[in-house]
C-alpha cells in the first residue's frame, strides 16, 4: 500500500476522488506496491488551464488510437471546432490584384 495515497485531493471537493485514487493505486502496482506520498502541490491557474486543455486532447486521442473508441473521434471533432472559432489577432492582409 502506498502510504498517504488515500489523502490525495481529499480537500479538493471534487467528485470521484476516491475512484481516482483507486485507479492511481492500480497504475502504481496495486495493493502490493509500497511507498509513500511525499507532497501534493496545487497548480497555478495558468498551468491548470494548460493541463486541462492537454487532457481534453490527449485522452480522446489515446482512446481512439489504442482502443478504437468512437467517443475519442467524437471528442477530437469537437476540439477541432475550437480552432474554427479562433479569430486572428493580426489584421487580415488582402492581396492586391492587378
Protein backbone atom coordinates (compact mmCIF):
# COMPACT_ATOMS: atom_id res chain seq x y z
CA UNK A 1 0.00 0.00 0.00
CA UNK A 2 1.25 3.47 -0.79
CA UNK A 3 1.15 5.47 2.41
CA UNK A 4 -0.75 8.75 2.09
CA UNK A 5 -2.39 7.93 -1.25
CA UNK A 6 -5.83 7.97 0.37
CA UNK A 7 -5.30 11.64 1.27
CA UNK A 8 -4.56 12.79 -2.30
CA UNK A 9 -7.02 15.52 -3.27
CA UNK A 10 -9.11 14.95 -0.14
CA UNK A 11 -9.70 18.69 0.27
CA UNK A 12 -10.49 19.33 -3.39
CA UNK A 13 -14.25 18.92 -3.06
CA UNK A 14 -14.30 17.15 -6.43
CA UNK A 15 -16.42 14.10 -7.19
CA UNK A 16 -14.72 10.80 -7.96
CA UNK A 17 -11.59 11.39 -5.88
CA UNK A 18 -11.90 8.00 -4.15
CA UNK A 19 -12.22 6.24 -7.52
CA UNK A 20 -9.31 8.23 -8.95
CA UNK A 21 -7.10 7.22 -6.02
CA UNK A 22 -8.09 3.58 -6.60
CA UNK A 23 -7.11 3.80 -10.26
CA UNK A 24 -3.86 5.51 -9.33
CA UNK A 25 -3.11 2.70 -6.87
CA UNK A 26 -3.68 0.15 -9.65
CA UNK A 27 -1.41 2.05 -12.05
CA UNK A 28 1.33 2.11 -9.43
CA UNK A 29 1.25 -1.64 -8.89
CA UNK A 30 -1.91 -2.39 -6.91
CA UNK A 31 -2.09 -3.23 -3.20
CA UNK A 32 1.34 -4.87 -3.34
CA UNK A 33 3.04 -1.59 -4.29
CA UNK A 34 4.91 0.09 -1.49
CA UNK A 35 5.93 3.68 -0.98
CA UNK A 36 4.64 6.90 0.46
CA UNK A 37 3.29 10.18 -0.83
CA UNK A 38 5.88 12.89 -0.34
CA UNK A 39 3.88 16.01 -1.15
CA UNK A 40 0.98 17.40 -3.09
CA UNK A 41 1.15 20.77 -4.85
CA UNK A 42 -1.61 22.88 -6.31
CA UNK A 43 -1.03 24.09 -9.85
CA UNK A 44 -1.10 27.78 -10.62
CA UNK A 45 -4.22 28.92 -12.54
CA UNK A 46 -2.44 29.19 -15.91
CA UNK A 47 -0.86 25.75 -15.54
CA UNK A 48 -4.25 24.32 -14.58
CA UNK A 49 -5.75 25.63 -17.84
CA UNK A 50 -2.89 24.24 -19.91
CA UNK A 51 -3.18 20.79 -18.31
CA UNK A 52 -6.98 20.84 -18.69
CA UNK A 53 -6.70 21.58 -22.42
CA UNK A 54 -3.93 19.00 -22.87
CA UNK A 55 -6.04 16.33 -21.18
CA UNK A 56 -9.03 17.19 -23.35
CA UNK A 57 -6.85 16.32 -26.36
CA UNK A 58 -4.62 13.53 -25.06
CA UNK A 59 -7.23 11.16 -23.63
CA UNK A 60 -9.54 11.12 -26.66
CA UNK A 61 -6.51 10.60 -28.91
CA UNK A 62 -5.27 7.69 -26.78
CA UNK A 63 -8.76 6.16 -26.67
CA UNK A 64 -9.06 6.43 -30.43
CA UNK A 65 -5.63 5.01 -31.26
CA UNK A 66 -5.37 2.31 -28.58
CA UNK A 67 -8.99 1.18 -28.19
CA UNK A 68 -10.60 2.42 -31.40
CA UNK A 69 -13.17 4.06 -29.09
CA UNK A 70 -15.80 6.02 -31.02
CA UNK A 71 -16.05 8.63 -28.28
CA UNK A 72 -12.40 9.54 -28.93
CA UNK A 73 -13.16 10.53 -32.50
CA UNK A 74 -16.24 12.49 -31.43
CA UNK A 75 -14.25 14.38 -28.79
CA UNK A 76 -11.50 15.25 -31.28
CA UNK A 77 -14.07 16.55 -33.78
CA UNK A 78 -15.44 18.78 -31.02
CA UNK A 79 -11.93 20.05 -30.25
CA UNK A 80 -11.36 20.79 -33.93
CA UNK A 81 -14.36 23.12 -33.71
CA UNK A 82 -12.49 25.17 -31.12
CA UNK A 83 -9.95 26.19 -33.76
CA UNK A 84 -12.65 27.28 -36.17
CA UNK A 85 -13.88 29.74 -33.54
CA UNK A 86 -10.50 31.44 -33.15
CA UNK A 87 -10.16 34.87 -34.66
CA UNK A 88 -6.87 36.26 -35.83
CA UNK A 89 -5.34 38.92 -33.62
CA UNK A 90 -3.42 40.26 -36.61
CA UNK A 91 -5.01 42.34 -39.34
CA UNK A 92 -6.06 40.39 -42.40
CA UNK A 93 -3.83 41.12 -45.34
CA UNK A 94 -5.67 41.42 -48.66
CA UNK A 95 -3.51 40.79 -51.69
CA UNK A 96 -3.96 43.39 -54.41
CA UNK A 97 -4.72 42.07 -57.84
CA UNK A 98 -3.61 43.95 -60.93
